[in-house]
Each structure stands twice: as structure tokens, then as C-alpha cells.
Amino acid sequence: MIATSTAYDLVFLVHILAGIATLVVFIVMRVAAMAVARGASSDVQRARFPSRRNWAARVLHVLPITGLIMSWSGDSSVSLTRPWIVVGLVCYLAAAGHLEARTLPLETSLAEVIQHDGVASPARGRKLVLSIDVLLALVGVAFISMLVQY
């Protein structure tokens, strides 16, 4: 379906860029959490966990919007009946739920501890790393499904 219409291709481009941005944000979050898990200094922890909302992680929510637009406007090769699209949507729902219910609250509490005490314990950092690993695994399954298109 690529290169059949300019509008479709623009939505596809936004979808790809949002996917890449999602991976980059999650990897950066994981690196920051690993620093805490390894016992980084107070200055490093404060720099990596500022006391503000993480809007960048929510770029994940662009993926189903652009994906559904492509599916609804595309031909049968990208219809919602295709298993790889269903897998992508299920992975998104699981990742979005995990992000909003587990990962971002963990990150917020970690940032609060760092702002209050100067440093967070390595155990808290490991907990956030594991949560981000779940997100990366879900995004990875969706990514592979989109590439293979079974």
C-alpha cells in the first residue's frame, strides 16, 4: 500500500517516526533507570529524573491512531482482519496500560525520592528497569509483527 497516495504515505511516515521515537524514548528511560540501579551519584540522578511529567513517553499513543488511519484508508492488505494488525493493537493496549499504570508512576515516585532524598536506592532503579523492559518487549513484538506481516 506504500506509494499509492500522498496522504497514506504521510500517515505511514508519521507512524514510522512515532515508532522510532517510542523506541528511543524507552531506551533513554532504561539507561536513566540503569544509572540509578548502578548507584549513580546524586547529581546524575537529579539530572536524569527531573521533577516533571514525562510527555515524551506518551508518543506511544500516536501509533494506534496512525495505524488505524492506515488500516481504514488502505486496501485489504492492511485491513483490521489481518493477524499482524491485531497483534499490533493488542501489544499497544498492553504497552499503553503498562506505561500508564506501572512505568510512569514508578518513574514519578523515583523522581520524587531523588528530589527529596538526593538519591534513590538501586532496588528502585532495578524495578523501573524491569518495567521498561516489559514495554520494550511489547513494542518489539509489535515491531516484528509489522515487519513480518503474517
C-alpha atoms as a PDB file:
ATOM      1  CA  MET A   1       0.000   0.000   0.000  1.00  0.00           C
ATOM      2  CA  ILE A   2       3.035   2.269   0.210  1.00  0.00           C
ATOM      3  CA  ALA A   3       3.296   4.924  -2.508  1.00  0.00           C
ATOM      4  CA  THR A   4      -0.353   4.702  -3.564  1.00  0.00           C
ATOM      5  CA  SER A   5      -1.391   8.093  -2.218  1.00  0.00           C
ATOM      6  CA  THR A   6       0.415  11.022  -0.701  1.00  0.00           C
ATOM      7  CA  ALA A   7      -1.918  11.182   2.306  1.00  0.00           C
ATOM      8  CA  TYR A   8      -1.440   7.484   3.099  1.00  0.00           C
ATOM      9  CA  ASP A   9       2.321   7.817   2.756  1.00  0.00           C
ATOM     10  CA  LEU A  10       2.400  10.823   5.094  1.00  0.00           C
ATOM     11  CA  VAL A  11       0.434   8.916   7.728  1.00  0.00           C
ATOM     12  CA  PHE A  12       2.768   5.946   7.211  1.00  0.00           C
ATOM     13  CA  LEU A  13       5.775   8.224   7.699  1.00  0.00           C
ATOM     14  CA  VAL A  14       4.319   9.636  10.928  1.00  0.00           C
ATOM     15  CA  HIS A  15       3.639   6.053  12.075  1.00  0.00           C
ATOM     16  CA  ILE A  16       7.242   5.005  11.423  1.00  0.00           C
ATOM     17  CA  LEU A  17       8.670   8.133  13.074  1.00  0.00           C
ATOM     18  CA  ALA A  18       6.422   7.640  16.120  1.00  0.00           C
ATOM     19  CA  GLY A  19       7.613   4.028  16.378  1.00  0.00           C
ATOM     20  CA  ILE A  20      11.247   5.077  16.241  1.00  0.00           C
ATOM     21  CA  ALA A  21      10.637   7.884  18.740  1.00  0.00           C
ATOM     22  CA  THR A  22       8.910   5.429  21.084  1.00  0.00           C
ATOM     23  CA  LEU A  23      11.899   3.099  20.992  1.00  0.00           C
ATOM     24  CA  VAL A  24      14.351   5.958  21.541  1.00  0.00           C
ATOM     25  CA  VAL A  25      12.383   7.342  24.499  1.00  0.00           C
ATOM     26  CA  PHE A  26      12.067   3.926  26.157  1.00  0.00           C
ATOM     27  CA  ILE A  27      15.765   3.184  25.650  1.00  0.00           C
ATOM     28  CA  VAL A  28      16.731   6.573  27.138  1.00  0.00           C
ATOM     29  CA  MET A  29      14.399   5.904  30.074  1.00  0.00           C
ATOM     30  CA  ARG A  30      16.029   2.497  30.562  1.00  0.00           C
ATOM     31  CA  VAL A  31      19.536   3.994  30.517  1.00  0.00           C
ATOM     32  CA  ALA A  32      18.480   6.527  33.168  1.00  0.00           C
ATOM     33  CA  ALA A  33      16.938   3.786  35.318  1.00  0.00           C
ATOM     34  CA  MET A  34      20.091   1.667  34.928  1.00  0.00           C
ATOM     35  CA  ALA A  35      22.141   4.579  36.250  1.00  0.00           C
ATOM     36  CA  VAL A  36      20.069   4.522  39.430  1.00  0.00           C
ATOM     37  CA  ALA A  37      20.288   0.722  39.609  1.00  0.00           C
ATOM     38  CA  ARG A  38      24.071   1.004  39.434  1.00  0.00           C
ATOM     39  CA  GLY A  39      24.190   3.586  42.207  1.00  0.00           C
ATOM     40  CA  ALA A  40      24.817   6.787  40.243  1.00  0.00           C
ATOM     41  CA  SER A  41      25.678   9.963  42.122  1.00  0.00           C
ATOM     42  CA  SER A  42      23.078  12.417  43.316  1.00  0.00           C
ATOM     43  CA  ASP A  43      23.892  14.883  40.533  1.00  0.00           C
ATOM     44  CA  VAL A  44      23.457  12.252  37.826  1.00  0.00           C
ATOM     45  CA  GLN A  45      20.191  11.021  39.309  1.00  0.00           C
ATOM     46  CA  ARG A  46      18.782  14.541  39.629  1.00  0.00           C
ATOM     47  CA  ALA A  47      19.713  15.304  36.017  1.00  0.00           C
ATOM     48  CA  ARG A  48      18.111  12.138  34.670  1.00  0.00           C
ATOM     49  CA  PHE A  49      14.959  12.293  36.776  1.00  0.00           C
ATOM     50  CA  PRO A  50      13.694  15.865  36.860  1.00  0.00           C
ATOM     51  CA  SER A  51      10.568  16.581  38.816  1.00  0.00           C
ATOM     52  CA  ARG A  52       8.158  16.912  35.887  1.00  0.00           C
ATOM     53  CA  ARG A  53       5.761  14.870  33.820  1.00  0.00           C
ATOM     54  CA  ASN A  54       7.197  12.592  31.122  1.00  0.00           C
ATOM     55  CA  TRP A  55       5.280  13.592  27.999  1.00  0.00           C
ATOM     56  CA  ALA A  56       7.836  12.040  25.636  1.00  0.00           C
ATOM     57  CA  ALA A  57       6.894   8.508  26.700  1.00  0.00           C
ATOM     58  CA  ARG A  58       3.357   9.158  25.546  1.00  0.00           C
ATOM     59  CA  VAL A  59       4.437   9.300  21.897  1.00  0.00           C
ATOM     60  CA  LEU A  60       3.444   5.612  22.059  1.00  0.00           C
ATOM     61  CA  HIS A  61      -0.190   6.745  21.809  1.00  0.00           C
ATOM     62  CA  VAL A  62       0.366   8.088  18.285  1.00  0.00           C
ATOM     63  CA  LEU A  63       0.956   4.562  16.954  1.00  0.00           C
ATOM     64  CA  PRO A  64      -2.600   3.178  17.091  1.00  0.00           C
ATOM     65  CA  ILE A  65      -4.041   6.418  15.741  1.00  0.00           C
ATOM     66  CA  THR A  66      -1.853   6.379  12.646  1.00  0.00           C
ATOM     67  CA  GLY A  67      -2.131   2.603  12.346  1.00  0.00           C
ATOM     68  CA  LEU A  68      -5.921   2.694  12.389  1.00  0.00           C
ATOM     69  CA  ILE A  69      -5.994   5.544   9.870  1.00  0.00           C
ATOM     70  CA  MET A  70      -3.838   3.474   7.529  1.00  0.00           C
ATOM     71  CA  SER A  71      -5.953   0.375   8.080  1.00  0.00           C
ATOM     72  CA  TRP A  72      -9.255   2.166   7.462  1.00  0.00           C
ATOM     73  CA  SER A  73      -7.997   4.031   4.406  1.00  0.00           C
ATOM     74  CA  GLY A  74      -5.937   1.188   2.917  1.00  0.00           C
ATOM     75  CA  ASP A  75      -6.823  -1.862   0.904  1.00  0.00           C
ATOM     76  CA  SER A  76      -7.355  -5.425   2.140  1.00  0.00           C
ATOM     77  CA  SER A  77      -3.610  -5.929   2.700  1.00  0.00           C
ATOM     78  CA  VAL A  78      -3.822  -3.641   5.745  1.00  0.00           C
ATOM     79  CA  SER A  79      -7.353  -4.417   6.953  1.00  0.00           C
ATOM     80  CA  LEU A  80      -8.144  -4.974  10.614  1.00  0.00           C
ATOM     81  CA  THR A  81      -8.735  -8.657   9.869  1.00  0.00           C
ATOM     82  CA  ARG A  82      -5.017  -9.258   9.311  1.00  0.00           C
ATOM     83  CA  PRO A  83      -3.425 -11.117  12.263  1.00  0.00           C
ATOM     84  CA  TRP A  84      -0.354  -8.870  12.380  1.00  0.00           C
ATOM     85  CA  ILE A  85      -2.545  -5.799  12.809  1.00  0.00           C
ATOM     86  CA  VAL A  86      -4.488  -7.488  15.614  1.00  0.00           C
ATOM     87  CA  VAL A  87      -1.174  -8.396  17.292  1.00  0.00           C
ATOM     88  CA  GLY A  88      -0.046  -4.770  16.949  1.00  0.00           C
ATOM     89  CA  LEU A  89      -3.242  -3.466  18.540  1.00  0.00           C
ATOM     90  CA  VAL A  90      -3.081  -5.985  21.394  1.00  0.00           C
ATOM     91  CA  CYS A  91       0.575  -5.105  22.006  1.00  0.00           C
ATOM     92  CA  TYR A  92      -0.318  -1.416  22.004  1.00  0.00           C
ATOM     93  CA  LEU A  93      -3.139  -1.915  24.532  1.00  0.00           C
ATOM     94  CA  ALA A  94      -0.850  -3.929  26.807  1.00  0.00           C
ATOM     95  CA  ALA A  95       2.015  -1.436  26.447  1.00  0.00           C
ATOM     96  CA  ALA A  96      -0.214   1.603  26.972  1.00  0.00           C
ATOM     97  CA  GLY A  97      -1.780   0.058  30.058  1.00  0.00           C
ATOM     98  CA  HIS A  98       1.606  -0.906  31.460  1.00  0.00           C
ATOM     99  CA  LEU A  99       3.086   2.509  30.656  1.00  0.00           C
ATOM    100  CA  GLU A 100       0.314   4.494  32.310  1.00  0.00           C
ATOM    101  CA  ALA A 101      -0.402   2.157  35.238  1.00  0.00           C
ATOM    102  CA  ARG A 102       3.076   0.956  36.129  1.00  0.00           C
ATOM    103  CA  THR A 103       6.062   2.560  34.412  1.00  0.00           C
ATOM    104  CA  LEU A 104       5.209   6.257  34.612  1.00  0.00           C
ATOM    105  CA  PRO A 105       4.040   6.048  38.246  1.00  0.00           C
ATOM    106  CA  LEU A 106       7.306   4.235  39.106  1.00  0.00           C
ATOM    107  CA  GLU A 107       9.278   6.924  37.306  1.00  0.00           C
ATOM    108  CA  THR A 108       7.367   9.680  39.108  1.00  0.00           C
ATOM    109  CA  SER A 109       7.906   8.123  42.528  1.00  0.00           C
ATOM    110  CA  LEU A 110      11.592   7.614  41.730  1.00  0.00           C
ATOM    111  CA  ALA A 111      11.923  11.275  40.734  1.00  0.00           C
ATOM    112  CA  GLU A 112      10.169  12.346  43.945  1.00  0.00           C
ATOM    113  CA  VAL A 113      12.536  10.250  46.070  1.00  0.00           C
ATOM    114  CA  ILE A 114      15.535  11.676  44.234  1.00  0.00           C
ATOM    115  CA  GLN A 115      14.302  15.250  44.646  1.00  0.00           C
ATOM    116  CA  HIS A 116      13.585  14.704  48.349  1.00  0.00           C
ATOM    117  CA  ASP A 117      16.494  12.471  49.433  1.00  0.00           C
ATOM    118  CA  GLY A 118      19.098  13.251  46.770  1.00  0.00           C
ATOM    119  CA  VAL A 119      19.395   9.640  45.606  1.00  0.00           C
ATOM    120  CA  ALA A 120      17.150   6.636  45.118  1.00  0.00           C
ATOM    121  CA  SER A 121      18.058   3.096  46.026  1.00  0.00           C
ATOM    122  CA  PRO A 122      19.396   0.731  43.373  1.00  0.00           C
ATOM    123  CA  ALA A 123      16.405  -1.532  44.057  1.00  0.00           C
ATOM    124  CA  ARG A 124      14.045   1.224  42.889  1.00  0.00           C
ATOM    125  CA  GLY A 125      16.149   1.667  39.772  1.00  0.00           C
ATOM    126  CA  ARG A 126      16.035  -2.070  39.030  1.00  0.00           C
ATOM    127  CA  LYS A 127      12.268  -2.069  39.455  1.00  0.00           C
ATOM    128  CA  LEU A 128      11.938   0.684  36.850  1.00  0.00           C
ATOM    129  CA  VAL A 129      14.369  -1.103  34.512  1.00  0.00           C
ATOM    130  CA  LEU A 130      12.216  -4.239  34.639  1.00  0.00           C
ATOM    131  CA  SER A 131       9.086  -2.225  33.941  1.00  0.00           C
ATOM    132  CA  ILE A 132      10.713  -0.571  30.923  1.00  0.00           C
ATOM    133  CA  ASP A 133      11.926  -3.980  29.733  1.00  0.00           C
ATOM    134  CA  VAL A 134       8.293  -5.118  29.613  1.00  0.00           C
ATOM    135  CA  LEU A 135       7.473  -2.085  27.457  1.00  0.00           C
ATOM    136  CA  LEU A 136      10.400  -2.744  25.141  1.00  0.00           C
ATOM    137  CA  ALA A 137       9.381  -6.392  24.778  1.00  0.00           C
ATOM    138  CA  LEU A 138       5.814  -5.442  23.858  1.00  0.00           C
ATOM    139  CA  VAL A 139       6.976  -2.825  21.364  1.00  0.00           C
ATOM    140  CA  GLY A 140       9.463  -5.351  19.980  1.00  0.00           C
ATOM    141  CA  VAL A 141       6.749  -7.967  19.381  1.00  0.00           C
ATOM    142  CA  ALA A 142       4.606  -5.346  17.619  1.00  0.00           C
ATOM    143  CA  PHE A 143       7.582  -4.158  15.570  1.00  0.00           C
ATOM    144  CA  ILE A 144       8.439  -7.678  14.421  1.00  0.00           C
ATOM    145  CA  SER A 145       4.779  -8.313  13.580  1.00  0.00           C
ATOM    146  CA  MET A 146       4.673  -5.173  11.462  1.00  0.00           C
ATOM    147  CA  LEU A 147       7.837  -6.237   9.612  1.00  0.00           C
ATOM    148  CA  VAL A 148       6.837  -9.865   9.005  1.00  0.00           C
ATOM    149  CA  GLN A 149       3.138  -9.153   8.272  1.00  0.00           C
ATOM    150  CA  TYR A 150       1.917 -12.742   8.598  1.00  0.00           C
END
